Amino acid sequence: MSAEQGERARRRLSTEERRGQLLSVGARLFSESPYDEVRIEQVAEIAGVSRGLLYHYFPTKRDFFAAVVERESARMLRMTQAVPGMPIREQLTSGLDTYLEYVRAHAHGYRAFHRADAAGDRTVRRVYRRALAAQERQILAALAADPEFGPLSEARPDLVLAVRGWLAFTTAVCLEWLRGSNLSHDQVRDLCARALLGVIAP
């Protein structure tokens, strides 16, 4: 492809399509390498755009990383969304399987995200809070729709805190698992499932 043809191909992408392309490249690079080793020049080169254009969409590398994480968080919510009519116990097992597979495949990005949040990075913290709130709503909605837990959920003001605490627990378990825990995928899944069922039990 000539430079002129390449330029025409680049112009064919809309703003939203170009942004999506850059975020897809970022998701792959941040999953393969630690945050500090990912260079903006790499992203621009793989996407076939200038570094200036990348900075037009994302003013800093941290902004770019936060946007990647936000999109991946939304994708994870879609992958683990509640299935109407399926008992919460079954959904929990299935959702945790999907979540743990994602964590393992995107270990570098997962660690970087939580490291930045723990360090108080404001850009990442905004993304983190939105993702956490969305996860809480999704779990609480699934509980409310389940015949076993639904009738009790509205009468329990502690349920939101219980779910929020469980999300923090699951994050801590996953980070330890990535550090080299001897537990298998199934053992981690069952540990997290038992923890949630334990805190939401009547």
N, C-alpha and C. Protein backbone atom coordinates (compact mmCIF):
# COMPACT_ATOMS: atom_id res chain seq x y z
N MET A 1 0.85 -1.20 0.00
CA MET A 1 0.00 0.00 0.00
C MET A 1 0.88 1.24 0.00
N SER A 2 0.60 2.19 -0.90
CA SER A 2 1.38 3.41 -0.97
C SER A 2 1.02 4.33 0.19
N ALA A 3 1.86 5.37 0.40
CA ALA A 3 1.59 6.32 1.47
C ALA A 3 0.25 7.03 1.23
N GLU A 4 -0.03 7.33 -0.06
CA GLU A 4 -1.29 8.01 -0.39
C GLU A 4 -2.49 7.11 -0.10
N GLN A 5 -2.36 5.81 -0.45
CA GLN A 5 -3.45 4.87 -0.17
C GLN A 5 -3.65 4.69 1.33
N GLY A 6 -2.52 4.64 2.06
CA GLY A 6 -2.60 4.50 3.50
C GLY A 6 -3.30 5.69 4.14
N GLU A 7 -3.00 6.88 3.60
CA GLU A 7 -3.63 8.09 4.13
C GLU A 7 -5.12 8.08 3.86
N ARG A 8 -5.53 7.62 2.69
CA ARG A 8 -6.96 7.54 2.37
C ARG A 8 -7.66 6.55 3.30
N ALA A 9 -6.96 5.40 3.58
CA ALA A 9 -7.54 4.38 4.46
C ALA A 9 -7.73 4.95 5.86
N ARG A 10 -6.74 5.76 6.32
CA ARG A 10 -6.87 6.35 7.64
C ARG A 10 -8.04 7.32 7.71
N ARG A 11 -8.26 8.07 6.62
CA ARG A 11 -9.34 9.06 6.60
C ARG A 11 -10.71 8.38 6.60
N ARG A 12 -10.78 7.14 6.18
CA ARG A 12 -12.07 6.47 6.10
C ARG A 12 -12.66 6.15 7.48
N LEU A 13 -11.82 6.10 8.50
CA LEU A 13 -12.31 5.80 9.84
C LEU A 13 -12.94 7.04 10.46
N SER A 14 -14.12 6.87 11.04
CA SER A 14 -14.75 7.97 11.76
C SER A 14 -13.99 8.22 13.06
N THR A 15 -14.32 9.31 13.72
CA THR A 15 -13.66 9.62 15.00
C THR A 15 -13.86 8.49 16.00
N GLU A 16 -15.09 7.97 16.08
CA GLU A 16 -15.38 6.91 17.04
C GLU A 16 -14.68 5.61 16.66
N GLU A 17 -14.61 5.32 15.37
CA GLU A 17 -13.92 4.12 14.90
C GLU A 17 -12.43 4.21 15.18
N ARG A 18 -11.85 5.38 14.95
CA ARG A 18 -10.42 5.56 15.22
C ARG A 18 -10.13 5.41 16.70
N ARG A 19 -10.96 6.02 17.51
CA ARG A 19 -10.77 5.91 18.96
C ARG A 19 -10.86 4.45 19.40
N GLY A 20 -11.84 3.73 18.86
CA GLY A 20 -11.98 2.32 19.19
C GLY A 20 -10.78 1.51 18.77
N GLN A 21 -10.23 1.83 17.60
CA GLN A 21 -9.04 1.12 17.12
C GLN A 21 -7.87 1.34 18.07
N LEU A 22 -7.65 2.58 18.49
CA LEU A 22 -6.55 2.89 19.39
C LEU A 22 -6.72 2.19 20.74
N LEU A 23 -7.96 2.16 21.24
CA LEU A 23 -8.20 1.49 22.52
C LEU A 23 -7.99 -0.02 22.42
N SER A 24 -8.31 -0.60 21.27
CA SER A 24 -8.08 -2.04 21.07
C SER A 24 -6.59 -2.34 21.09
N VAL A 25 -5.81 -1.50 20.42
CA VAL A 25 -4.36 -1.68 20.43
C VAL A 25 -3.83 -1.54 21.86
N GLY A 26 -4.33 -0.52 22.57
CA GLY A 26 -3.89 -0.31 23.95
C GLY A 26 -4.22 -1.48 24.85
N ALA A 27 -5.43 -2.05 24.70
CA ALA A 27 -5.83 -3.19 25.53
C ALA A 27 -4.86 -4.35 25.34
N ARG A 28 -4.46 -4.59 24.09
CA ARG A 28 -3.53 -5.69 23.83
C ARG A 28 -2.17 -5.41 24.44
N LEU A 29 -1.65 -4.19 24.24
CA LEU A 29 -0.31 -3.87 24.74
C LEU A 29 -0.26 -3.86 26.26
N PHE A 30 -1.27 -3.29 26.90
CA PHE A 30 -1.27 -3.24 28.36
C PHE A 30 -1.48 -4.62 28.98
N SER A 31 -2.09 -5.54 28.23
CA SER A 31 -2.25 -6.91 28.75
C SER A 31 -0.97 -7.71 28.60
N GLU A 32 -0.14 -7.33 27.60
CA GLU A 32 1.08 -8.08 27.32
C GLU A 32 2.29 -7.58 28.09
N SER A 33 2.29 -6.29 28.46
CA SER A 33 3.47 -5.69 29.07
C SER A 33 3.10 -4.81 30.25
N PRO A 34 4.01 -4.65 31.22
CA PRO A 34 3.76 -3.72 32.34
C PRO A 34 3.51 -2.31 31.82
N TYR A 35 2.78 -1.53 32.58
CA TYR A 35 2.41 -0.17 32.16
C TYR A 35 3.62 0.65 31.73
N ASP A 36 4.68 0.63 32.54
CA ASP A 36 5.85 1.46 32.26
C ASP A 36 6.57 1.08 30.97
N GLU A 37 6.35 -0.15 30.49
CA GLU A 37 7.04 -0.60 29.28
C GLU A 37 6.25 -0.34 28.00
N VAL A 38 5.01 0.07 28.14
CA VAL A 38 4.19 0.38 26.96
C VAL A 38 4.48 1.81 26.54
N ARG A 39 4.89 1.99 25.28
CA ARG A 39 5.20 3.33 24.77
C ARG A 39 4.09 3.82 23.85
N ILE A 40 3.78 5.09 23.96
CA ILE A 40 2.77 5.69 23.10
C ILE A 40 3.16 5.54 21.64
N GLU A 41 4.46 5.61 21.36
CA GLU A 41 4.93 5.45 19.98
C GLU A 41 4.54 4.09 19.42
N GLN A 42 4.57 3.07 20.28
CA GLN A 42 4.16 1.73 19.87
C GLN A 42 2.71 1.71 19.42
N VAL A 43 1.87 2.33 20.23
CA VAL A 43 0.44 2.35 19.93
C VAL A 43 0.19 3.03 18.59
N ALA A 44 0.82 4.20 18.40
CA ALA A 44 0.64 4.95 17.16
C ALA A 44 1.15 4.16 15.95
N GLU A 45 2.28 3.50 16.13
CA GLU A 45 2.86 2.74 15.02
C GLU A 45 1.96 1.57 14.62
N ILE A 46 1.48 0.81 15.59
CA ILE A 46 0.62 -0.34 15.30
C ILE A 46 -0.69 0.12 14.65
N ALA A 47 -1.23 1.24 15.14
CA ALA A 47 -2.50 1.74 14.61
C ALA A 47 -2.33 2.46 13.27
N GLY A 48 -1.08 2.78 12.92
CA GLY A 48 -0.83 3.47 11.66
C GLY A 48 -1.22 4.93 11.68
N VAL A 49 -1.03 5.57 12.86
CA VAL A 49 -1.34 6.99 12.97
C VAL A 49 -0.13 7.72 13.54
N SER A 50 -0.16 9.03 13.46
CA SER A 50 0.93 9.81 14.05
C SER A 50 0.77 9.88 15.56
N ARG A 51 1.87 10.12 16.24
CA ARG A 51 1.79 10.27 17.69
C ARG A 51 0.93 11.48 18.05
N GLY A 52 0.99 12.53 17.22
CA GLY A 52 0.19 13.73 17.46
C GLY A 52 -1.30 13.44 17.43
N LEU A 53 -1.71 12.56 16.50
CA LEU A 53 -3.13 12.22 16.43
C LEU A 53 -3.56 11.45 17.66
N LEU A 54 -2.70 10.55 18.14
CA LEU A 54 -3.02 9.80 19.36
C LEU A 54 -3.20 10.76 20.54
N TYR A 55 -2.31 11.75 20.64
CA TYR A 55 -2.42 12.71 21.73
C TYR A 55 -3.64 13.63 21.56
N HIS A 56 -4.12 13.75 20.33
CA HIS A 56 -5.34 14.52 20.10
C HIS A 56 -6.53 13.84 20.79
N TYR A 57 -6.55 12.51 20.74
CA TYR A 57 -7.61 11.75 21.38
C TYR A 57 -7.38 11.61 22.88
N PHE A 58 -6.14 11.41 23.27
CA PHE A 58 -5.79 11.15 24.67
C PHE A 58 -4.59 12.01 25.05
N PRO A 59 -4.79 13.09 25.83
CA PRO A 59 -3.72 14.05 26.11
C PRO A 59 -2.47 13.46 26.77
N THR A 60 -2.65 12.42 27.60
CA THR A 60 -1.50 11.81 28.28
C THR A 60 -1.60 10.30 28.21
N LYS A 61 -0.50 9.65 28.51
CA LYS A 61 -0.49 8.19 28.55
C LYS A 61 -1.45 7.68 29.62
N ARG A 62 -1.53 8.38 30.76
CA ARG A 62 -2.44 7.96 31.82
C ARG A 62 -3.89 8.09 31.38
N ASP A 63 -4.21 9.15 30.64
CA ASP A 63 -5.57 9.29 30.10
C ASP A 63 -5.89 8.13 29.15
N PHE A 64 -4.91 7.76 28.34
CA PHE A 64 -5.10 6.67 27.41
C PHE A 64 -5.33 5.36 28.16
N PHE A 65 -4.52 5.11 29.17
CA PHE A 65 -4.66 3.89 29.96
C PHE A 65 -6.02 3.85 30.65
N ALA A 66 -6.45 4.99 31.21
CA ALA A 66 -7.74 5.04 31.89
C ALA A 66 -8.88 4.75 30.92
N ALA A 67 -8.77 5.27 29.70
CA ALA A 67 -9.81 5.03 28.68
C ALA A 67 -9.85 3.56 28.28
N VAL A 68 -8.67 2.94 28.18
CA VAL A 68 -8.60 1.51 27.86
C VAL A 68 -9.29 0.71 28.95
N VAL A 69 -8.97 1.02 30.20
CA VAL A 69 -9.55 0.28 31.33
C VAL A 69 -11.06 0.49 31.39
N GLU A 70 -11.52 1.71 31.13
CA GLU A 70 -12.95 1.98 31.17
C GLU A 70 -13.69 1.15 30.13
N ARG A 71 -13.12 1.09 28.92
CA ARG A 71 -13.77 0.30 27.88
C ARG A 71 -13.75 -1.19 28.22
N GLU A 72 -12.62 -1.67 28.76
CA GLU A 72 -12.52 -3.08 29.13
C GLU A 72 -13.46 -3.42 30.29
N SER A 73 -13.63 -2.47 31.21
CA SER A 73 -14.55 -2.69 32.33
C SER A 73 -15.98 -2.84 31.82
N ALA A 74 -16.34 -1.98 30.85
CA ALA A 74 -17.68 -2.08 30.27
C ALA A 74 -17.86 -3.40 29.53
N ARG A 75 -16.81 -3.84 28.87
CA ARG A 75 -16.88 -5.13 28.16
C ARG A 75 -17.04 -6.28 29.15
N MET A 76 -16.34 -6.22 30.27
CA MET A 76 -16.46 -7.25 31.29
C MET A 76 -17.88 -7.29 31.87
N LEU A 77 -18.49 -6.13 32.06
CA LEU A 77 -19.87 -6.10 32.56
C LEU A 77 -20.81 -6.79 31.58
N ARG A 78 -20.60 -6.55 30.29
CA ARG A 78 -21.45 -7.20 29.28
C ARG A 78 -21.24 -8.71 29.30
N MET A 79 -19.98 -9.13 29.49
CA MET A 79 -19.66 -10.56 29.47
C MET A 79 -20.24 -11.29 30.69
N THR A 80 -20.43 -10.56 31.79
CA THR A 80 -20.89 -11.20 33.02
C THR A 80 -22.30 -10.76 33.41
N GLN A 81 -23.02 -10.14 32.49
CA GLN A 81 -24.35 -9.63 32.83
C GLN A 81 -25.30 -10.77 33.19
N ALA A 82 -26.28 -10.42 33.99
CA ALA A 82 -27.22 -11.42 34.52
C ALA A 82 -28.05 -12.04 33.40
N VAL A 83 -28.32 -13.32 33.57
CA VAL A 83 -29.18 -14.06 32.63
C VAL A 83 -30.54 -14.21 33.30
N PRO A 84 -31.59 -13.60 32.74
CA PRO A 84 -32.92 -13.69 33.37
C PRO A 84 -33.35 -15.14 33.61
N GLY A 85 -33.81 -15.39 34.82
CA GLY A 85 -34.31 -16.71 35.14
C GLY A 85 -33.28 -17.69 35.66
N MET A 86 -31.99 -17.36 35.54
CA MET A 86 -30.95 -18.27 36.04
C MET A 86 -30.67 -17.97 37.51
N PRO A 87 -30.66 -18.97 38.38
CA PRO A 87 -30.38 -18.75 39.81
C PRO A 87 -29.04 -18.07 40.03
N ILE A 88 -28.97 -17.24 41.05
CA ILE A 88 -27.76 -16.47 41.33
C ILE A 88 -26.55 -17.38 41.56
N ARG A 89 -26.77 -18.54 42.16
CA ARG A 89 -25.64 -19.45 42.43
C ARG A 89 -24.98 -19.91 41.12
N GLU A 90 -25.80 -20.21 40.12
CA GLU A 90 -25.25 -20.62 38.82
C GLU A 90 -24.59 -19.44 38.11
N GLN A 91 -25.23 -18.28 38.18
CA GLN A 91 -24.68 -17.10 37.52
C GLN A 91 -23.35 -16.70 38.15
N LEU A 92 -23.25 -16.88 39.45
CA LEU A 92 -22.03 -16.51 40.15
C LEU A 92 -20.86 -17.36 39.67
N THR A 93 -21.08 -18.66 39.55
CA THR A 93 -20.02 -19.56 39.07
C THR A 93 -19.60 -19.20 37.65
N SER A 94 -20.57 -19.01 36.78
CA SER A 94 -20.29 -18.68 35.39
C SER A 94 -19.60 -17.32 35.27
N GLY A 95 -20.12 -16.33 36.00
CA GLY A 95 -19.54 -14.99 35.94
C GLY A 95 -18.12 -14.95 36.47
N LEU A 96 -17.85 -15.67 37.55
CA LEU A 96 -16.50 -15.71 38.11
C LEU A 96 -15.53 -16.42 37.17
N ASP A 97 -15.99 -17.47 36.49
CA ASP A 97 -15.14 -18.13 35.50
C ASP A 97 -14.70 -17.14 34.43
N THR A 98 -15.65 -16.38 33.91
CA THR A 98 -15.34 -15.39 32.88
C THR A 98 -14.39 -14.33 33.42
N TYR A 99 -14.68 -13.85 34.62
CA TYR A 99 -13.87 -12.81 35.24
C TYR A 99 -12.42 -13.27 35.46
N LEU A 100 -12.25 -14.47 35.99
CA LEU A 100 -10.91 -14.97 36.28
C LEU A 100 -10.12 -15.24 35.01
N GLU A 101 -10.80 -15.70 33.97
CA GLU A 101 -10.12 -15.90 32.69
C GLU A 101 -9.63 -14.56 32.15
N TYR A 102 -10.44 -13.53 32.31
CA TYR A 102 -10.05 -12.20 31.86
C TYR A 102 -8.87 -11.68 32.67
N VAL A 103 -8.94 -11.83 33.99
CA VAL A 103 -7.86 -11.36 34.86
C VAL A 103 -6.54 -12.02 34.48
N ARG A 104 -6.57 -13.31 34.25
CA ARG A 104 -5.34 -14.03 33.89
C ARG A 104 -4.81 -13.57 32.53
N ALA A 105 -5.70 -13.37 31.57
CA ALA A 105 -5.28 -12.97 30.23
C ALA A 105 -4.79 -11.52 30.18
N HIS A 106 -5.27 -10.68 31.12
CA HIS A 106 -4.91 -9.26 31.14
C HIS A 106 -4.21 -8.91 32.45
N ALA A 107 -3.34 -9.80 32.88
CA ALA A 107 -2.71 -9.64 34.19
C ALA A 107 -1.99 -8.31 34.36
N HIS A 108 -1.20 -7.91 33.36
CA HIS A 108 -0.44 -6.66 33.48
C HIS A 108 -1.37 -5.46 33.64
N GLY A 109 -2.40 -5.39 32.80
CA GLY A 109 -3.34 -4.28 32.88
C GLY A 109 -4.13 -4.28 34.18
N TYR A 110 -4.52 -5.46 34.65
CA TYR A 110 -5.27 -5.58 35.90
C TYR A 110 -4.45 -5.07 37.08
N ARG A 111 -3.19 -5.50 37.11
CA ARG A 111 -2.31 -5.05 38.21
C ARG A 111 -2.07 -3.55 38.13
N ALA A 112 -1.81 -3.05 36.92
CA ALA A 112 -1.53 -1.62 36.75
C ALA A 112 -2.72 -0.77 37.17
N PHE A 113 -3.91 -1.22 36.81
CA PHE A 113 -5.12 -0.49 37.15
C PHE A 113 -5.26 -0.36 38.67
N HIS A 114 -5.12 -1.46 39.38
CA HIS A 114 -5.31 -1.42 40.83
C HIS A 114 -4.14 -0.75 41.54
N ARG A 115 -2.96 -0.82 40.94
CA ARG A 115 -1.81 -0.11 41.52
C ARG A 115 -2.02 1.40 41.42
N ALA A 116 -2.51 1.84 40.28
CA ALA A 116 -2.75 3.27 40.08
C ALA A 116 -3.86 3.78 41.00
N ASP A 117 -4.89 2.97 41.18
CA ASP A 117 -5.98 3.37 42.08
C ASP A 117 -5.48 3.46 43.51
N ALA A 118 -4.68 2.48 43.94
CA ALA A 118 -4.15 2.49 45.31
C ALA A 118 -3.23 3.69 45.54
N ALA A 119 -2.55 4.14 44.49
CA ALA A 119 -1.64 5.28 44.61
C ALA A 119 -2.40 6.61 44.59
N GLY A 120 -3.71 6.56 44.37
CA GLY A 120 -4.51 7.77 44.40
C GLY A 120 -4.54 8.53 43.09
N ASP A 121 -4.23 7.86 41.97
CA ASP A 121 -4.27 8.52 40.66
C ASP A 121 -5.71 8.94 40.37
N ARG A 122 -5.94 10.25 40.24
CA ARG A 122 -7.31 10.74 40.11
C ARG A 122 -7.99 10.30 38.82
N THR A 123 -7.23 10.24 37.74
CA THR A 123 -7.81 9.83 36.46
C THR A 123 -8.31 8.40 36.54
N VAL A 124 -7.47 7.52 37.08
CA VAL A 124 -7.85 6.11 37.20
C VAL A 124 -8.92 5.92 38.26
N ARG A 125 -8.86 6.69 39.34
CA ARG A 125 -9.85 6.52 40.41
C ARG A 125 -11.26 6.81 39.92
N ARG A 126 -11.41 7.79 39.04
CA ARG A 126 -12.74 8.08 38.49
C ARG A 126 -13.27 6.86 37.73
N VAL A 127 -12.40 6.25 36.93
CA VAL A 127 -12.78 5.06 36.19
C VAL A 127 -13.12 3.93 37.15
N TYR A 128 -12.31 3.78 38.18
CA TYR A 128 -12.48 2.71 39.15
C TYR A 128 -13.84 2.83 39.85
N ARG A 129 -14.18 4.05 40.27
CA ARG A 129 -15.44 4.25 40.98
C ARG A 129 -16.65 3.96 40.09
N ARG A 130 -16.57 4.37 38.83
CA ARG A 130 -17.67 4.09 37.91
C ARG A 130 -17.82 2.59 37.68
N ALA A 131 -16.68 1.91 37.51
CA ALA A 131 -16.71 0.46 37.28
C ALA A 131 -17.24 -0.26 38.51
N LEU A 132 -16.81 0.16 39.69
CA LEU A 132 -17.27 -0.46 40.93
C LEU A 132 -18.77 -0.29 41.11
N ALA A 133 -19.27 0.92 40.85
CA ALA A 133 -20.70 1.19 41.00
C ALA A 133 -21.51 0.35 40.02
N ALA A 134 -21.00 0.19 38.80
CA ALA A 134 -21.71 -0.62 37.80
C ALA A 134 -21.73 -2.08 38.20
N GLN A 135 -20.62 -2.58 38.76
CA GLN A 135 -20.58 -3.97 39.21
C GLN A 135 -21.56 -4.18 40.36
N GLU A 136 -21.60 -3.24 41.29
CA GLU A 136 -22.53 -3.34 42.42
C GLU A 136 -23.96 -3.43 41.92
N ARG A 137 -24.32 -2.52 41.01
CA ARG A 137 -25.70 -2.50 40.50
C ARG A 137 -26.05 -3.81 39.81
N GLN A 138 -25.08 -4.35 39.06
CA GLN A 138 -25.34 -5.59 38.34
C GLN A 138 -25.57 -6.76 39.29
N ILE A 139 -24.76 -6.84 40.33
CA ILE A 139 -24.91 -7.93 41.31
C ILE A 139 -26.20 -7.77 42.11
N LEU A 140 -26.49 -6.55 42.53
CA LEU A 140 -27.69 -6.31 43.33
C LEU A 140 -28.96 -6.60 42.50
N ALA A 141 -28.92 -6.26 41.22
CA ALA A 141 -30.07 -6.53 40.35
C ALA A 141 -30.27 -8.04 40.19
N ALA A 142 -29.17 -8.77 40.06
CA ALA A 142 -29.27 -10.23 39.92
C ALA A 142 -29.81 -10.85 41.21
N LEU A 143 -29.39 -10.33 42.36
CA LEU A 143 -29.90 -10.83 43.64
C LEU A 143 -31.40 -10.54 43.77
N ALA A 144 -31.81 -9.33 43.39
CA ALA A 144 -33.21 -8.95 43.51
C ALA A 144 -34.11 -9.81 42.63
N ALA A 145 -33.57 -10.30 41.51
CA ALA A 145 -34.37 -11.09 40.57
C ALA A 145 -34.38 -12.57 40.92
N ASP A 146 -33.57 -12.97 41.90
CA ASP A 146 -33.49 -14.39 42.26
C ASP A 146 -34.54 -14.73 43.33
N PRO A 147 -35.33 -15.79 43.12
CA PRO A 147 -36.38 -16.15 44.10
C PRO A 147 -35.83 -16.43 45.50
N GLU A 148 -34.59 -16.92 45.57
CA GLU A 148 -34.02 -17.26 46.87
C GLU A 148 -33.65 -16.03 47.68
N PHE A 149 -33.12 -15.00 46.99
CA PHE A 149 -32.62 -13.83 47.71
C PHE A 149 -33.46 -12.57 47.50
N GLY A 150 -34.21 -12.52 46.40
CA GLY A 150 -34.96 -11.32 46.06
C GLY A 150 -35.87 -10.79 47.14
N PRO A 151 -36.71 -11.64 47.74
CA PRO A 151 -37.64 -11.13 48.76
C PRO A 151 -36.94 -10.50 49.96
N LEU A 152 -35.68 -10.89 50.19
CA LEU A 152 -34.97 -10.38 51.37
C LEU A 152 -34.14 -9.14 51.05
N SER A 153 -33.85 -8.93 49.77
CA SER A 153 -32.86 -7.91 49.41
C SER A 153 -33.29 -6.49 49.77
N GLU A 154 -34.60 -6.17 49.60
CA GLU A 154 -35.05 -4.81 49.87
C GLU A 154 -35.06 -4.50 51.37
N ALA A 155 -35.16 -5.53 52.17
CA ALA A 155 -35.22 -5.33 53.62
C ALA A 155 -33.85 -5.34 54.27
N ARG A 156 -32.80 -5.38 53.45
CA ARG A 156 -31.46 -5.48 54.02
C ARG A 156 -30.59 -4.31 53.58
N PRO A 157 -30.52 -3.25 54.40
CA PRO A 157 -29.68 -2.09 54.05
C PRO A 157 -28.19 -2.41 54.05
N ASP A 158 -27.83 -3.55 54.67
CA ASP A 158 -26.41 -3.91 54.71
C ASP A 158 -25.95 -4.59 53.42
N LEU A 159 -26.89 -4.89 52.52
CA LEU A 159 -26.53 -5.68 51.34
C LEU A 159 -25.57 -4.95 50.41
N VAL A 160 -25.77 -3.65 50.24
CA VAL A 160 -24.89 -2.87 49.37
C VAL A 160 -23.46 -2.92 49.90
N LEU A 161 -23.32 -2.72 51.21
CA LEU A 161 -21.98 -2.77 51.82
C LEU A 161 -21.38 -4.17 51.71
N ALA A 162 -22.23 -5.18 51.86
CA ALA A 162 -21.75 -6.56 51.75
C ALA A 162 -21.22 -6.84 50.36
N VAL A 163 -21.94 -6.40 49.34
CA VAL A 163 -21.51 -6.62 47.96
C VAL A 163 -20.25 -5.81 47.67
N ARG A 164 -20.21 -4.58 48.15
CA ARG A 164 -19.02 -3.74 47.94
C ARG A 164 -17.79 -4.37 48.60
N GLY A 165 -17.98 -4.87 49.81
CA GLY A 165 -16.87 -5.53 50.49
C GLY A 165 -16.42 -6.78 49.76
N TRP A 166 -17.38 -7.51 49.19
CA TRP A 166 -17.02 -8.71 48.43
C TRP A 166 -16.22 -8.37 47.18
N LEU A 167 -16.56 -7.29 46.52
CA LEU A 167 -15.80 -6.87 45.33
C LEU A 167 -14.35 -6.54 45.71
N ALA A 168 -14.17 -5.89 46.85
CA ALA A 168 -12.81 -5.58 47.31
C ALA A 168 -12.07 -6.88 47.65
N PHE A 169 -12.77 -7.80 48.29
CA PHE A 169 -12.18 -9.11 48.62
C PHE A 169 -11.74 -9.84 47.36
N THR A 170 -12.61 -9.86 46.35
CA THR A 170 -12.31 -10.57 45.11
C THR A 170 -11.10 -9.95 44.41
N THR A 171 -11.01 -8.62 44.43
CA THR A 171 -9.85 -7.95 43.85
C THR A 171 -8.57 -8.36 44.57
N ALA A 172 -8.60 -8.36 45.90
CA ALA A 172 -7.41 -8.74 46.67
C ALA A 172 -7.00 -10.18 46.39
N VAL A 173 -7.99 -11.08 46.30
CA VAL A 173 -7.71 -12.48 46.00
C VAL A 173 -7.07 -12.62 44.62
N CYS A 174 -7.62 -11.91 43.65
CA CYS A 174 -7.08 -12.00 42.28
C CYS A 174 -5.66 -11.47 42.20
N LEU A 175 -5.37 -10.39 42.90
CA LEU A 175 -4.01 -9.84 42.88
C LEU A 175 -3.02 -10.82 43.50
N GLU A 176 -3.44 -11.47 44.59
CA GLU A 176 -2.57 -12.48 45.21
C GLU A 176 -2.40 -13.67 44.28
N TRP A 177 -3.45 -14.07 43.62
CA TRP A 177 -3.41 -15.19 42.67
C TRP A 177 -2.41 -14.89 41.55
N LEU A 178 -2.42 -13.65 41.06
CA LEU A 178 -1.49 -13.28 39.99
C LEU A 178 -0.04 -13.21 40.47
N ARG A 179 0.13 -13.03 41.78
CA ARG A 179 1.51 -12.98 42.30
C ARG A 179 2.13 -14.37 42.39
N GLY A 180 1.34 -15.41 42.12
CA GLY A 180 1.91 -16.75 42.11
C GLY A 180 1.31 -17.70 43.11
N SER A 181 0.07 -17.48 43.49
CA SER A 181 -0.60 -18.39 44.41
C SER A 181 -0.67 -19.80 43.81
N ASN A 182 -0.63 -20.81 44.67
CA ASN A 182 -0.72 -22.20 44.20
C ASN A 182 -2.15 -22.63 43.92
N LEU A 183 -3.12 -21.78 44.22
CA LEU A 183 -4.52 -22.14 43.99
C LEU A 183 -4.82 -22.19 42.49
N SER A 184 -5.64 -23.15 42.11
CA SER A 184 -6.05 -23.27 40.71
C SER A 184 -7.18 -22.28 40.41
N HIS A 185 -7.49 -22.15 39.15
CA HIS A 185 -8.62 -21.31 38.73
C HIS A 185 -9.90 -21.72 39.47
N ASP A 186 -10.18 -23.00 39.49
CA ASP A 186 -11.41 -23.49 40.12
C ASP A 186 -11.42 -23.21 41.63
N GLN A 187 -10.27 -23.34 42.27
CA GLN A 187 -10.20 -23.08 43.71
C GLN A 187 -10.45 -21.60 44.01
N VAL A 188 -9.88 -20.72 43.19
CA VAL A 188 -10.10 -19.28 43.38
C VAL A 188 -11.56 -18.94 43.13
N ARG A 189 -12.12 -19.50 42.07
CA ARG A 189 -13.53 -19.27 41.77
C ARG A 189 -14.42 -19.70 42.93
N ASP A 190 -14.19 -20.90 43.44
CA ASP A 190 -15.03 -21.41 44.53
C ASP A 190 -14.85 -20.60 45.81
N LEU A 191 -13.63 -20.16 46.08
CA LEU A 191 -13.36 -19.33 47.25
C LEU A 191 -14.17 -18.03 47.17
N CYS A 192 -14.13 -17.37 46.02
CA CYS A 192 -14.85 -16.11 45.85
C CYS A 192 -16.37 -16.33 45.89
N ALA A 193 -16.83 -17.41 45.29
CA ALA A 193 -18.27 -17.70 45.29
C ALA A 193 -18.76 -17.94 46.71
N ARG A 194 -18.01 -18.73 47.48
CA ARG A 194 -18.43 -19.01 48.87
C ARG A 194 -18.46 -17.73 49.70
N ALA A 195 -17.50 -16.85 49.43
CA ALA A 195 -17.43 -15.60 50.19
C ALA A 195 -18.67 -14.74 49.96
N LEU A 196 -19.11 -14.62 48.70
CA LEU A 196 -20.30 -13.81 48.43
C LEU A 196 -21.55 -14.48 49.00
N LEU A 197 -21.70 -15.78 48.77
CA LEU A 197 -22.88 -16.46 49.29
C LEU A 197 -22.93 -16.41 50.81
N GLY A 198 -21.75 -16.38 51.43
CA GLY A 198 -21.71 -16.29 52.88
C GLY A 198 -22.19 -14.94 53.40
N VAL A 199 -21.82 -13.86 52.73
CA VAL A 199 -22.20 -12.54 53.23
C VAL A 199 -23.64 -12.16 52.87
N ILE A 200 -24.20 -12.77 51.86
CA ILE A 200 -25.58 -12.41 51.48
C ILE A 200 -26.62 -13.38 52.05
N ALA A 201 -26.15 -14.44 52.67
CA ALA A 201 -27.10 -15.42 53.24
C ALA A 201 -27.99 -14.75 54.28
N PRO A 202 -29.25 -15.13 54.34
CA PRO A 202 -30.16 -14.53 55.33
C PRO A 202 -29.65 -14.73 56.75
